[in-house]
PDB file of N, CA and C in Angstrom:
ATOM      1  N   UNK A   1       0.065  21.911  -4.642  1.00  0.00           N
ATOM      2  CA  UNK A   1      -0.582  20.979  -3.736  1.00  0.00           C
ATOM      3  C   UNK A   1      -1.444  20.031  -4.569  1.00  0.00           C
ATOM      4  N   UNK A   2      -1.414  18.748  -4.246  1.00  0.00           N
ATOM      5  CA  UNK A   2      -2.174  17.767  -5.007  1.00  0.00           C
ATOM      6  C   UNK A   2      -3.649  17.809  -4.629  1.00  0.00           C
ATOM      7  N   UNK A   3      -4.467  17.201  -5.481  1.00  0.00           N
ATOM      8  CA  UNK A   3      -5.896  17.098  -5.182  1.00  0.00           C
ATOM      9  C   UNK A   3      -6.119  16.391  -3.856  1.00  0.00           C
ATOM     10  N   UNK A   4      -5.299  15.346  -3.602  1.00  0.00           N
ATOM     11  CA  UNK A   4      -5.445  14.587  -2.372  1.00  0.00           C
ATOM     12  C   UNK A   4      -5.240  15.484  -1.159  1.00  0.00           C
ATOM     13  N   UNK A   5      -4.196  16.275  -1.167  1.00  0.00           N
ATOM     14  CA  UNK A   5      -3.912  17.145  -0.021  1.00  0.00           C
ATOM     15  C   UNK A   5      -4.984  18.217   0.135  1.00  0.00           C
ATOM     16  N   UNK A   6      -5.487  18.755  -0.977  1.00  0.00           N
ATOM     17  CA  UNK A   6      -6.477  19.819  -0.908  1.00  0.00           C
ATOM     18  C   UNK A   6      -7.819  19.307  -0.406  1.00  0.00           C
ATOM     19  N   UNK A   7      -8.160  18.069  -0.731  1.00  0.00           N
ATOM     20  CA  UNK A   7      -9.469  17.551  -0.380  1.00  0.00           C
ATOM     21  C   UNK A   7      -9.495  16.862   0.971  1.00  0.00           C
ATOM     22  N   UNK A   8      -8.358  16.635   1.580  1.00  0.00           N
ATOM     23  CA  UNK A   8      -8.299  15.977   2.878  1.00  0.00           C
ATOM     24  C   UNK A   8      -8.276  17.057   3.954  1.00  0.00           C
ATOM     25  N   UNK A   9      -9.469  17.443   4.428  1.00  0.00           N
ATOM     26  CA  UNK A   9      -9.578  18.527   5.396  1.00  0.00           C
ATOM     27  C   UNK A   9      -9.581  18.051   6.837  1.00  0.00           C
ATOM     28  N   UNK A  10      -9.537  16.774   7.056  1.00  0.00           N
ATOM     29  CA  UNK A  10      -9.560  16.236   8.411  1.00  0.00           C
ATOM     30  C   UNK A  10      -8.775  14.942   8.454  1.00  0.00           C
ATOM     31  N   UNK A  11      -9.166  14.079   9.371  1.00  0.00           N
ATOM     32  CA  UNK A  11      -8.473  12.804   9.522  1.00  0.00           C
ATOM     33  C   UNK A  11      -9.039  11.716   8.628  1.00  0.00           C
ATOM     34  N   UNK A  12     -10.149  11.974   7.949  1.00  0.00           N
ATOM     35  CA  UNK A  12     -10.761  10.970   7.082  1.00  0.00           C
ATOM     36  C   UNK A  12     -10.560  11.352   5.624  1.00  0.00           C
ATOM     37  N   UNK A  13     -10.520  10.330   4.765  1.00  0.00           N
ATOM     38  CA  UNK A  13     -10.365  10.566   3.341  1.00  0.00           C
ATOM     39  C   UNK A  13     -11.175   9.522   2.585  1.00  0.00           C
ATOM     40  N   UNK A  14     -11.741   9.899   1.469  1.00  0.00           N
ATOM     41  CA  UNK A  14     -12.533   8.983   0.648  1.00  0.00           C
ATOM     42  C   UNK A  14     -11.610   7.974  -0.034  1.00  0.00           C
ATOM     43  N   UNK A  15     -12.094   6.748  -0.184  1.00  0.00           N
ATOM     44  CA  UNK A  15     -11.276   5.690  -0.773  1.00  0.00           C
ATOM     45  C   UNK A  15     -10.803   6.034  -2.176  1.00  0.00           C
ATOM     46  N   UNK A  16     -11.623   6.725  -2.951  1.00  0.00           N
ATOM     47  CA  UNK A  16     -11.199   7.050  -4.318  1.00  0.00           C
ATOM     48  C   UNK A  16     -10.064   8.059  -4.342  1.00  0.00           C
ATOM     49  N   UNK A  17      -9.820   8.730  -3.227  1.00  0.00           N
ATOM     50  CA  UNK A  17      -8.697   9.656  -3.125  1.00  0.00           C
ATOM     51  C   UNK A  17      -7.409   8.946  -2.712  1.00  0.00           C
ATOM     52  N   UNK A  18      -7.529   7.789  -2.071  1.00  0.00           N
ATOM     53  CA  UNK A  18      -6.357   7.023  -1.674  1.00  0.00           C
ATOM     54  C   UNK A  18      -5.823   6.236  -2.874  1.00  0.00           C
ATOM     55  N   UNK A  19      -6.726   5.638  -3.633  1.00  0.00           N
ATOM     56  CA  UNK A  19      -6.315   4.853  -4.803  1.00  0.00           C
ATOM     57  C   UNK A  19      -5.642   5.766  -5.824  1.00  0.00           C
ATOM     58  N   UNK A  20      -4.460   5.376  -6.243  1.00  0.00           N
ATOM     59  CA  UNK A  20      -3.682   6.177  -7.182  1.00  0.00           C
ATOM     60  C   UNK A  20      -2.665   7.088  -6.521  1.00  0.00           C
ATOM     61  N   UNK A  21      -2.692   7.170  -5.193  1.00  0.00           N
ATOM     62  CA  UNK A  21      -1.749   8.028  -4.467  1.00  0.00           C
ATOM     63  C   UNK A  21      -0.350   7.424  -4.517  1.00  0.00           C
ATOM     64  N   UNK A  22       0.640   8.267  -4.751  1.00  0.00           N
ATOM     65  CA  UNK A  22       2.032   7.817  -4.835  1.00  0.00           C
ATOM     66  C   UNK A  22       2.531   7.326  -3.490  1.00  0.00           C
ATOM     67  N   UNK A  23       3.457   6.359  -3.549  1.00  0.00           N
ATOM     68  CA  UNK A  23       4.131   5.832  -2.361  1.00  0.00           C
ATOM     69  C   UNK A  23       5.630   6.011  -2.570  1.00  0.00           C
ATOM     70  N   UNK A  24       6.277   6.613  -1.573  1.00  0.00           N
ATOM     71  CA  UNK A  24       7.717   6.891  -1.615  1.00  0.00           C
ATOM     72  C   UNK A  24       8.394   6.165  -0.474  1.00  0.00           C
ATOM     73  N   UNK A  25       9.708   5.956  -0.611  1.00  0.00           N
ATOM     74  CA  UNK A  25      10.458   5.456   0.537  1.00  0.00           C
ATOM     75  C   UNK A  25      11.184   6.626   1.196  1.00  0.00           C
ATOM     76  N   UNK A  26      11.901   6.351   2.270  1.00  0.00           N
ATOM     77  CA  UNK A  26      12.588   7.417   3.016  1.00  0.00           C
ATOM     78  C   UNK A  26      13.732   8.049   2.213  1.00  0.00           C
ATOM     79  N   UNK A  27      14.171   7.369   1.153  1.00  0.00           N
ATOM     80  CA  UNK A  27      15.215   7.914   0.296  1.00  0.00           C
ATOM     81  C   UNK A  27      14.616   8.803  -0.800  1.00  0.00           C
ATOM     82  N   UNK A  28      13.312   9.068  -0.699  1.00  0.00           N
ATOM     83  CA  UNK A  28      12.576   9.915  -1.636  1.00  0.00           C
ATOM     84  C   UNK A  28      12.427   9.298  -3.019  1.00  0.00           C
ATOM     85  N   UNK A  29      12.528   7.969  -3.098  1.00  0.00           N
ATOM     86  CA  UNK A  29      12.309   7.267  -4.357  1.00  0.00           C
ATOM     87  C   UNK A  29      10.829   6.903  -4.451  1.00  0.00           C
ATOM     88  N   UNK A  30      10.248   7.119  -5.611  1.00  0.00           N
ATOM     89  CA  UNK A  30       8.847   6.733  -5.815  1.00  0.00           C
ATOM     90  C   UNK A  30       8.802   5.233  -6.065  1.00  0.00           C
ATOM     91  N   UNK A  31       8.108   4.510  -5.183  1.00  0.00           N
ATOM     92  CA  UNK A  31       8.019   3.064  -5.288  1.00  0.00           C
ATOM     93  C   UNK A  31       6.875   2.622  -6.186  1.00  0.00           C
ATOM     94  N   UNK A  32       5.842   3.403  -6.270  1.00  0.00           N
ATOM     95  CA  UNK A  32       4.665   3.049  -7.047  1.00  0.00           C
ATOM     96  C   UNK A  32       3.480   3.845  -6.561  1.00  0.00           C
ATOM     97  N   UNK A  33       2.300   3.245  -6.696  1.00  0.00           N
ATOM     98  CA  UNK A  33       1.078   3.911  -6.244  1.00  0.00           C
ATOM     99  C   UNK A  33       0.169   2.891  -5.584  1.00  0.00           C
ATOM    100  N   UNK A  34      -0.758   3.391  -4.816  1.00  0.00           N
ATOM    101  CA  UNK A  34      -1.738   2.513  -4.177  1.00  0.00           C
ATOM    102  C   UNK A  34      -2.813   2.178  -5.205  1.00  0.00           C
ATOM    103  N   UNK A  35      -2.945   0.887  -5.490  1.00  0.00           N
ATOM    104  CA  UNK A  35      -3.961   0.478  -6.451  1.00  0.00           C
ATOM    105  C   UNK A  35      -5.306   0.261  -5.762  1.00  0.00           C
ATOM    106  N   UNK A  36      -5.265  -0.232  -4.552  1.00  0.00           N
ATOM    107  CA  UNK A  36      -6.477  -0.383  -3.740  1.00  0.00           C
ATOM    108  C   UNK A  36      -6.054  -0.675  -2.312  1.00  0.00           C
ATOM    109  N   UNK A  37      -7.012  -0.876  -1.459  1.00  0.00           N
ATOM    110  CA  UNK A  37      -6.684  -1.284  -0.105  1.00  0.00           C
ATOM    111  C   UNK A  37      -7.717  -2.285   0.359  1.00  0.00           C
ATOM    112  N   UNK A  38      -7.302  -3.079   1.335  1.00  0.00           N
ATOM    113  CA  UNK A  38      -8.129  -4.160   1.833  1.00  0.00           C
ATOM    114  C   UNK A  38      -8.684  -3.763   3.200  1.00  0.00           C
ATOM    115  N   UNK A  39     -10.000  -3.881   3.334  1.00  0.00           N
ATOM    116  CA  UNK A  39     -10.710  -3.459   4.536  1.00  0.00           C
ATOM    117  C   UNK A  39     -11.320  -4.687   5.207  1.00  0.00           C
ATOM    118  N   UNK A  40     -11.148  -4.781   6.509  1.00  0.00           N
ATOM    119  CA  UNK A  40     -11.775  -5.861   7.271  1.00  0.00           C
ATOM    120  C   UNK A  40     -13.281  -5.670   7.228  1.00  0.00           C
ATOM    121  N   UNK A  41     -14.007  -6.672   6.786  1.00  0.00           N
ATOM    122  CA  UNK A  41     -15.467  -6.580   6.635  1.00  0.00           C
ATOM    123  C   UNK A  41     -16.180  -6.300   7.952  1.00  0.00           C
ATOM    124  N   UNK A  42     -15.681  -6.872   9.021  1.00  0.00           N
ATOM    125  CA  UNK A  42     -16.382  -6.739  10.303  1.00  0.00           C
ATOM    126  C   UNK A  42     -16.016  -5.467  11.063  1.00  0.00           C
ATOM    127  N   UNK A  43     -14.722  -5.156  11.132  1.00  0.00           N
ATOM    128  CA  UNK A  43     -14.305  -4.003  11.937  1.00  0.00           C
ATOM    129  C   UNK A  43     -14.294  -2.700  11.138  1.00  0.00           C
ATOM    130  N   UNK A  44     -14.196  -2.813   9.817  1.00  0.00           N
ATOM    131  CA  UNK A  44     -14.095  -1.623   8.986  1.00  0.00           C
ATOM    132  C   UNK A  44     -12.697  -1.029   8.930  1.00  0.00           C
ATOM    133  N   UNK A  45     -11.731  -1.669   9.577  1.00  0.00           N
ATOM    134  CA  UNK A  45     -10.364  -1.165   9.590  1.00  0.00           C
ATOM    135  C   UNK A  45      -9.638  -1.537   8.298  1.00  0.00           C
ATOM    136  N   UNK A  46      -8.856  -0.592   7.811  1.00  0.00           N
ATOM    137  CA  UNK A  46      -8.010  -0.880   6.659  1.00  0.00           C
ATOM    138  C   UNK A  46      -6.836  -1.713   7.148  1.00  0.00           C
ATOM    139  N   UNK A  47      -6.606  -2.849   6.509  1.00  0.00           N
ATOM    140  CA  UNK A  47      -5.500  -3.717   6.912  1.00  0.00           C
ATOM    141  C   UNK A  47      -4.294  -3.579   5.991  1.00  0.00           C
ATOM    142  N   UNK A  48      -4.543  -3.461   4.690  1.00  0.00           N
ATOM    143  CA  UNK A  48      -3.449  -3.406   3.730  1.00  0.00           C
ATOM    144  C   UNK A  48      -3.698  -2.330   2.696  1.00  0.00           C
ATOM    145  N   UNK A  49      -2.628  -1.668   2.304  1.00  0.00           N
ATOM    146  CA  UNK A  49      -2.620  -0.864   1.094  1.00  0.00           C
ATOM    147  C   UNK A  49      -1.897  -1.721   0.067  1.00  0.00           C
ATOM    148  N   UNK A  50      -2.446  -1.816  -1.128  1.00  0.00           N
ATOM    149  CA  UNK A  50      -1.818  -2.627  -2.159  1.00  0.00           C
ATOM    150  C   UNK A  50      -1.040  -1.696  -3.079  1.00  0.00           C
ATOM    151  N   UNK A  51       0.288  -1.821  -3.018  1.00  0.00           N
ATOM    152  CA  UNK A  51       1.193  -1.017  -3.820  1.00  0.00           C
ATOM    153  C   UNK A  51       1.335  -1.673  -5.189  1.00  0.00           C
ATOM    154  N   UNK A  52       1.216  -0.897  -6.240  1.00  0.00           N
ATOM    155  CA  UNK A  52       1.434  -1.459  -7.571  1.00  0.00           C
ATOM    156  C   UNK A  52       2.502  -0.668  -8.292  1.00  0.00           C
ATOM    157  N   UNK A  53       3.303  -1.385  -9.050  1.00  0.00           N
ATOM    158  CA  UNK A  53       4.264  -0.743  -9.941  1.00  0.00           C
ATOM    159  C   UNK A  53       4.747  -1.762 -10.950  1.00  0.00           C
ATOM    160  N   UNK A  54       5.449  -1.265 -11.930  1.00  0.00           N
ATOM    161  CA  UNK A  54       5.962  -2.120 -12.992  1.00  0.00           C
ATOM    162  C   UNK A  54       5.005  -2.151 -14.156  1.00  0.00           C
ATOM    163  N   UNK A  55       5.307  -2.979 -15.093  1.00  0.00           N
ATOM    164  CA  UNK A  55       4.457  -3.149 -16.258  1.00  0.00           C
ATOM    165  C   UNK A  55       4.618  -2.040 -17.275  1.00  0.00           C
ATOM    166  N   UNK A  56       3.819  -2.141 -18.313  1.00  0.00           N
ATOM    167  CA  UNK A  56       3.860  -1.190 -19.410  1.00  0.00           C
ATOM    168  C   UNK A  56       2.439  -0.950 -19.881  1.00  0.00           C
ATOM    169  N   UNK A  57       2.037   0.314 -19.970  1.00  0.00           N
ATOM    170  CA  UNK A  57       0.691   0.700 -20.398  1.00  0.00           C
ATOM    171  C   UNK A  57      -0.399   0.019 -19.575  1.00  0.00           C
ATOM    172  N   UNK A  58      -0.143  -0.091 -18.277  1.00  0.00           N
ATOM    173  CA  UNK A  58      -1.130  -0.671 -17.371  1.00  0.00           C
ATOM    174  C   UNK A  58      -1.150  -2.183 -17.340  1.00  0.00           C
ATOM    175  N   UNK A  59      -0.305  -2.838 -18.114  1.00  0.00           N
ATOM    176  CA  UNK A  59      -0.263  -4.303 -18.156  1.00  0.00           C
ATOM    177  C   UNK A  59       0.951  -4.795 -17.373  1.00  0.00           C
ATOM    178  N   UNK A  60       0.791  -5.907 -16.664  1.00  0.00           N
ATOM    179  CA  UNK A  60       1.915  -6.530 -15.985  1.00  0.00           C
ATOM    180  C   UNK A  60       2.338  -5.886 -14.682  1.00  0.00           C
ATOM    181  N   UNK A  61       1.461  -5.105 -14.070  1.00  0.00           N
ATOM    182  CA  UNK A  61       1.800  -4.530 -12.776  1.00  0.00           C
ATOM    183  C   UNK A  61       1.867  -5.625 -11.724  1.00  0.00           C
ATOM    184  N   UNK A  62       2.858  -5.527 -10.850  1.00  0.00           N
ATOM    185  CA  UNK A  62       2.896  -6.380  -9.669  1.00  0.00           C
ATOM    186  C   UNK A  62       2.200  -5.634  -8.542  1.00  0.00           C
ATOM    187  N   UNK A  63       1.549  -6.387  -7.658  1.00  0.00           N
ATOM    188  CA  UNK A  63       0.818  -5.822  -6.529  1.00  0.00           C
ATOM    189  C   UNK A  63       1.424  -6.349  -5.235  1.00  0.00           C
ATOM    190  N   UNK A  64       1.778  -5.432  -4.342  1.00  0.00           N
ATOM    191  CA  UNK A  64       2.443  -5.740  -3.090  1.00  0.00           C
ATOM    192  C   UNK A  64       1.571  -5.283  -1.929  1.00  0.00           C
ATOM    193  N   UNK A  65       0.983  -6.209  -1.164  1.00  0.00           N
ATOM    194  CA  UNK A  65       0.222  -5.780   0.011  1.00  0.00           C
ATOM    195  C   UNK A  65       1.166  -5.289   1.100  1.00  0.00           C
ATOM    196  N   UNK A  66       0.936  -4.068   1.539  1.00  0.00           N
ATOM    197  CA  UNK A  66       1.717  -3.490   2.634  1.00  0.00           C
ATOM    198  C   UNK A  66       0.788  -3.298   3.825  1.00  0.00           C
ATOM    199  N   UNK A  67       1.159  -3.793   4.993  1.00  0.00           N
ATOM    200  CA  UNK A  67       0.332  -3.515   6.159  1.00  0.00           C
ATOM    201  C   UNK A  67       0.117  -2.006   6.298  1.00  0.00           C
ATOM    202  N   UNK A  68      -1.125  -1.635   6.491  1.00  0.00           N
ATOM    203  CA  UNK A  68      -1.494  -0.216   6.539  1.00  0.00           C
ATOM    204  C   UNK A  68      -0.669   0.560   7.561  1.00  0.00           C
ATOM    205  N   UNK A  69      -0.304  -0.106   8.641  1.00  0.00           N
ATOM    206  CA  UNK A  69       0.460   0.568   9.699  1.00  0.00           C
ATOM    207  C   UNK A  69       1.843   1.025   9.236  1.00  0.00           C
ATOM    208  N   UNK A  70       2.321   0.511   8.113  1.00  0.00           N
ATOM    209  CA  UNK A  70       3.636   0.900   7.591  1.00  0.00           C
ATOM    210  C   UNK A  70       3.614   2.251   6.888  1.00  0.00           C
ATOM    211  N   UNK A  71       2.448   2.709   6.467  1.00  0.00           N
ATOM    212  CA  UNK A  71       2.349   3.920   5.669  1.00  0.00           C
ATOM    213  C   UNK A  71       2.122   5.149   6.525  1.00  0.00           C
ATOM    214  N   UNK A  72       2.793   6.217   6.170  1.00  0.00           N
ATOM    215  CA  UNK A  72       2.603   7.515   6.809  1.00  0.00           C
ATOM    216  C   UNK A  72       2.345   8.534   5.722  1.00  0.00           C
ATOM    217  N   UNK A  73       1.287   9.307   5.881  1.00  0.00           N
ATOM    218  CA  UNK A  73       0.965  10.306   4.866  1.00  0.00           C
ATOM    219  C   UNK A  73       1.846  11.540   5.044  1.00  0.00           C
ATOM    220  N   UNK A  74       2.437  12.002   3.955  1.00  0.00           N
ATOM    221  CA  UNK A  74       3.304  13.182   3.952  1.00  0.00           C
ATOM    222  C   UNK A  74       2.620  14.269   3.128  1.00  0.00           C
ATOM    223  N   UNK A  75       2.153  15.316   3.790  1.00  0.00           N
ATOM    224  CA  UNK A  75       1.424  16.376   3.091  1.00  0.00           C
ATOM    225  C   UNK A  75       2.309  17.116   2.097  1.00  0.00           C
ATOM    226  N   UNK A  76       3.596  17.233   2.382  1.00  0.00           N
ATOM    227  CA  UNK A  76       4.495  17.913   1.444  1.00  0.00           C
ATOM    228  C   UNK A  76       4.640  17.141   0.139  1.00  0.00           C
ATOM    229  N   UNK A  77       4.668  15.823   0.226  1.00  0.00           N
ATOM    230  CA  UNK A  77       4.797  14.983  -0.967  1.00  0.00           C
ATOM    231  C   UNK A  77       3.445  14.738  -1.643  1.00  0.00           C
ATOM    232  N   UNK A  78       2.376  14.880  -0.870  1.00  0.00           N
ATOM    233  CA  UNK A  78       1.063  14.527  -1.401  1.00  0.00           C
ATOM    234  C   UNK A  78       0.948  13.035  -1.626  1.00  0.00           C
ATOM    235  N   UNK A  79       1.668  12.253  -0.803  1.00  0.00           N
ATOM    236  CA  UNK A  79       1.659  10.802  -0.932  1.00  0.00           C
ATOM    237  C   UNK A  79       2.067  10.147   0.368  1.00  0.00           C
ATOM    238  N   UNK A  80       2.131   8.827   0.318  1.00  0.00           N
ATOM    239  CA  UNK A  80       2.499   8.042   1.492  1.00  0.00           C
ATOM    240  C   UNK A  80       3.984   7.720   1.472  1.00  0.00           C
ATOM    241  N   UNK A  81       4.563   7.603   2.659  1.00  0.00           N
ATOM    242  CA  UNK A  81       5.969   7.258   2.808  1.00  0.00           C
ATOM    243  C   UNK A  81       6.051   5.970   3.623  1.00  0.00           C
ATOM    244  N   UNK A  82       6.892   5.049   3.154  1.00  0.00           N
ATOM    245  CA  UNK A  82       7.154   3.804   3.871  1.00  0.00           C
ATOM    246  C   UNK A  82       8.651   3.682   4.090  1.00  0.00           C
ATOM    247  N   UNK A  83       9.024   3.017   5.145  1.00  0.00           N
ATOM    248  CA  UNK A  83      10.433   2.828   5.471  1.00  0.00           C
ATOM    249  C   UNK A  83      10.928   1.542   4.808  1.00  0.00           C
ATOM    250  N   UNK A  84      11.083   1.574   3.469  1.00  0.00           N
ATOM    251  CA  UNK A  84      11.511   0.411   2.692  1.00  0.00           C
ATOM    252  C   UNK A  84      12.512   0.814   1.623  1.00  0.00           C
ATOM    253  N   UNK A  85      13.510  -0.008   1.426  1.00  0.00           N
ATOM    254  CA  UNK A  85      14.372   0.138   0.261  1.00  0.00           C
ATOM    255  C   UNK A  85      13.723  -0.625  -0.887  1.00  0.00           C
ATOM    256  N   UNK A  86      13.990  -0.202  -2.100  1.00  0.00           N
ATOM    257  CA  UNK A  86      13.429  -0.901  -3.261  1.00  0.00           C
ATOM    258  C   UNK A  86      13.811  -2.379  -3.276  1.00  0.00           C
ATOM    259  N   UNK A  87      15.017  -2.705  -2.805  1.00  0.00           N
ATOM    260  CA  UNK A  87      15.491  -4.085  -2.828  1.00  0.00           C
ATOM    261  C   UNK A  87      14.638  -5.008  -1.948  1.00  0.00           C
ATOM    262  N   UNK A  88      14.057  -4.461  -0.896  1.00  0.00           N
ATOM    263  CA  UNK A  88      13.213  -5.279  -0.012  1.00  0.00           C
ATOM    264  C   UNK A  88      11.992  -5.785  -0.778  1.00  0.00           C
ATOM    265  N   UNK A  89      11.520  -5.007  -1.734  1.00  0.00           N
ATOM    266  CA  UNK A  89      10.357  -5.426  -2.516  1.00  0.00           C
ATOM    267  C   UNK A  89      10.676  -6.555  -3.489  1.00  0.00           C
ATOM    268  N   UNK A  90      11.958  -6.790  -3.780  1.00  0.00           N
ATOM    269  CA  UNK A  90      12.338  -7.854  -4.725  1.00  0.00           C
ATOM    270  C   UNK A  90      11.787  -9.211  -4.321  1.00  0.00           C
ATOM    271  N   UNK A  91      11.782  -9.507  -3.020  1.00  0.00           N
ATOM    272  CA  UNK A  91      11.318 -10.810  -2.539  1.00  0.00           C
ATOM    273  C   UNK A  91      10.043 -10.718  -1.715  1.00  0.00           C
ATOM    274  N   UNK A  92       9.419  -9.549  -1.722  1.00  0.00           N
ATOM    275  CA  UNK A  92       8.212  -9.335  -0.917  1.00  0.00           C
ATOM    276  C   UNK A  92       7.025 -10.122  -1.474  1.00  0.00           C
ATOM    277  N   UNK A  93       6.077 -10.459  -0.603  1.00  0.00           N
ATOM    278  CA  UNK A  93       4.853 -11.097  -1.088  1.00  0.00           C
ATOM    279  C   UNK A  93       4.185 -10.197  -2.127  1.00  0.00           C
ATOM    280  N   UNK A  94       3.797 -10.797  -3.262  1.00  0.00           N
ATOM    281  CA  UNK A  94       3.177 -10.025  -4.335  1.00  0.00           C
ATOM    282  C   UNK A  94       2.355 -10.952  -5.217  1.00  0.00           C
ATOM    283  N   UNK A  95       1.567 -10.324  -6.065  1.00  0.00           N
ATOM    284  CA  UNK A  95       0.762 -11.072  -7.026  1.00  0.00           C
ATOM    285  C   UNK A  95       0.517 -10.179  -8.230  1.00  0.00           C
ATOM    286  N   UNK A  96       0.168 -10.820  -9.346  1.00  0.00           N
ATOM    287  CA  UNK A  96      -0.189  -9.995 -10.502  1.00  0.00           C
ATOM    288  C   UNK A  96      -1.675  -9.691 -10.415  1.00  0.00           C
ATOM    289  N   UNK A  97      -2.123  -8.748 -11.196  1.00  0.00           N
ATOM    290  CA  UNK A  97      -3.497  -8.262 -11.089  1.00  0.00           C
ATOM    291  C   UNK A  97      -4.574  -9.311 -11.258  1.00  0.00           C
ATOM    292  N   UNK A  98      -4.293 -10.380 -11.994  1.00  0.00           N
ATOM    293  CA  UNK A  98      -5.304 -11.396 -12.242  1.00  0.00           C
ATOM    294  C   UNK A  98      -5.361 -12.499 -11.211  1.00  0.00           C
ATOM    295  N   UNK A  99      -4.464 -12.477 -10.233  1.00  0.00           N
ATOM    296  CA  UNK A  99      -4.387 -13.581  -9.272  1.00  0.00           C
ATOM    297  C   UNK A  99      -4.380 -13.089  -7.839  1.00  0.00           C
ATOM    298  N   UNK A 100      -5.402 -12.373  -7.444  1.00  0.00           N
ATOM    299  CA  UNK A 100      -5.478 -11.856  -6.070  1.00  0.00           C
ATOM    300  C   UNK A 100      -5.521 -13.016  -5.089  1.00  0.00           C
ATOM    301  N   UNK A 101      -4.669 -12.973  -4.063  1.00  0.00           N
ATOM    302  CA  UNK A 101      -4.627 -14.073  -3.091  1.00  0.00           C
ATOM    303  C   UNK A 101      -5.812 -14.019  -2.130  1.00  0.00           C
ATOM    304  N   UNK A 102      -5.981 -15.119  -1.415  1.00  0.00           N
ATOM    305  CA  UNK A 102      -6.927 -15.125  -0.303  1.00  0.00           C
ATOM    306  C   UNK A 102      -6.260 -14.383   0.843  1.00  0.00           C
ATOM    307  N   UNK A 103      -6.876 -13.349   1.322  1.00  0.00           N
ATOM    308  CA  UNK A 103      -6.324 -12.598   2.445  1.00  0.00           C
ATOM    309  C   UNK A 103      -6.765 -13.249   3.747  1.00  0.00           C
ATOM    310  N   UNK A 104      -6.340 -14.490   3.962  1.00  0.00           N
ATOM    311  CA  UNK A 104      -6.685 -15.199   5.189  1.00  0.00           C
ATOM    312  C   UNK A 104      -5.580 -14.991   6.228  1.00  0.00           C
ATOM    313  N   UNK A 105      -5.734 -15.624   7.381  1.00  0.00           N
ATOM    314  CA  UNK A 105      -4.758 -15.438   8.460  1.00  0.00           C
ATOM    315  C   UNK A 105      -3.355 -15.877   8.062  1.00  0.00           C
ATOM    316  N   UNK A 106      -3.247 -16.989   7.344  1.00  0.00           N
ATOM    317  CA  UNK A 106      -1.927 -17.464   6.926  1.00  0.00           C
ATOM    318  C   UNK A 106      -1.231 -16.463   6.019  1.00  0.00           C
ATOM    319  N   UNK A 107      -1.963 -15.914   5.082  1.00  0.00           N
ATOM    320  CA  UNK A 107      -1.393 -14.927   4.174  1.00  0.00           C
ATOM    321  C   UNK A 107      -1.013 -13.660   4.942  1.00  0.00           C
ATOM    322  N   UNK A 108      -1.888 -13.245   5.839  1.00  0.00           N
ATOM    323  CA  UNK A 108      -1.615 -12.058   6.645  1.00  0.00           C
ATOM    324  C   UNK A 108      -0.378 -12.216   7.506  1.00  0.00           C
ATOM    325  N   UNK A 109      -0.223 -13.378   8.117  1.00  0.00           N
ATOM    326  CA  UNK A 109       0.973 -13.635   8.928  1.00  0.00           C
ATOM    327  C   UNK A 109       2.235 -13.593   8.071  1.00  0.00           C
ATOM    328  N   UNK A 110       2.160 -14.172   6.877  1.00  0.00           N
ATOM    329  CA  UNK A 110       3.298 -14.179   5.959  1.00  0.00           C
ATOM    330  C   UNK A 110       3.708 -12.758   5.576  1.00  0.00           C
ATOM    331  N   UNK A 111       2.740 -11.917   5.236  1.00  0.00           N
ATOM    332  CA  UNK A 111       3.025 -10.533   4.848  1.00  0.00           C
ATOM    333  C   UNK A 111       3.641  -9.774   6.022  1.00  0.00           C
ATOM    334  N   UNK A 112       3.020  -9.866   7.172  1.00  0.00           N
ATOM    335  CA  UNK A 112       3.533  -9.155   8.347  1.00  0.00           C
ATOM    336  C   UNK A 112       4.929  -9.648   8.737  1.00  0.00           C
ATOM    337  N   UNK A 113       5.124 -10.952   8.721  1.00  0.00           N
ATOM    338  CA  UNK A 113       6.427 -11.523   9.076  1.00  0.00           C
ATOM    339  C   UNK A 113       7.493 -11.036   8.110  1.00  0.00           C
ATOM    340  N   UNK A 114       7.195 -10.973   6.824  1.00  0.00           N
ATOM    341  CA  UNK A 114       8.183 -10.521   5.849  1.00  0.00           C
ATOM    342  C   UNK A 114       8.695  -9.115   6.189  1.00  0.00           C
ATOM    343  N   UNK A 115       7.793  -8.246   6.623  1.00  0.00           N
ATOM    344  CA  UNK A 115       8.178  -6.869   6.944  1.00  0.00           C
ATOM    345  C   UNK A 115       8.599  -6.692   8.402  1.00  0.00           C
ATOM    346  N   UNK A 116       8.712  -7.807   9.142  1.00  0.00           N
ATOM    347  CA  UNK A 116       9.179  -7.730  10.523  1.00  0.00           C
ATOM    348  C   UNK A 116       8.140  -7.200  11.485  1.00  0.00           C
ATOM    349  N   UNK A 117       6.862  -7.391  11.150  1.00  0.00           N
ATOM    350  CA  UNK A 117       5.774  -6.899  12.000  1.00  0.00           C
ATOM    351  C   UNK A 117       5.030  -8.062  12.631  1.00  0.00           C
ATOM    352  N   UNK A 118       4.407  -7.808  13.746  1.00  0.00           N
ATOM    353  CA  UNK A 118       3.577  -8.809  14.423  1.00  0.00           C
ATOM    354  C   UNK A 118       2.190  -8.766  13.794  1.00  0.00           C
ATOM    355  N   UNK A 119       1.682  -9.956  13.479  1.00  0.00           N
ATOM    356  CA  UNK A 119       0.336 -10.062  12.919  1.00  0.00           C
ATOM    357  C   UNK A 119      -0.668  -9.838  14.056  1.00  0.00           C
ATOM    358  N   UNK A 120      -1.443  -8.743  14.004  1.00  0.00           N
ATOM    359  CA  UNK A 120      -2.265  -8.363  15.166  1.00  0.00           C
ATOM    360  C   UNK A 120      -3.648  -9.001  15.249  1.00  0.00           C
ATOM    361  N   UNK A 121      -4.037  -9.872  14.316  1.00  0.00           N
ATOM    362  CA  UNK A 121      -5.416 -10.377  14.369  1.00  0.00           C
ATOM    363  C   UNK A 121      -5.465 -11.803  14.748  1.00  0.00           C
TER     364      UNK A 121
END
């Protein structure tokens, strides 16, 4: 059992336990890990988990904002599962670590639309 699974005794989890958690798809392929997540300042709701993968020795990782509603925690895997094929990420909205986008309404609509979701804000 992973540290994340052992320390999550209820429905809440500390942010430092989410960062670094593996993300898998339904085909059991590891897509990457959560590098951070974006929280609405006013409501306190998590809007996006930022998936990172690629690069070498921590350099050149791409970051993919995934709407939080897409992720489901799997206690057996000790990570999150999303219903995505790796190929879908080829053209997904992303940025490199040094160029974080403005998470405004236009960007949010673009991310949600790409994954076939309705932008709820």
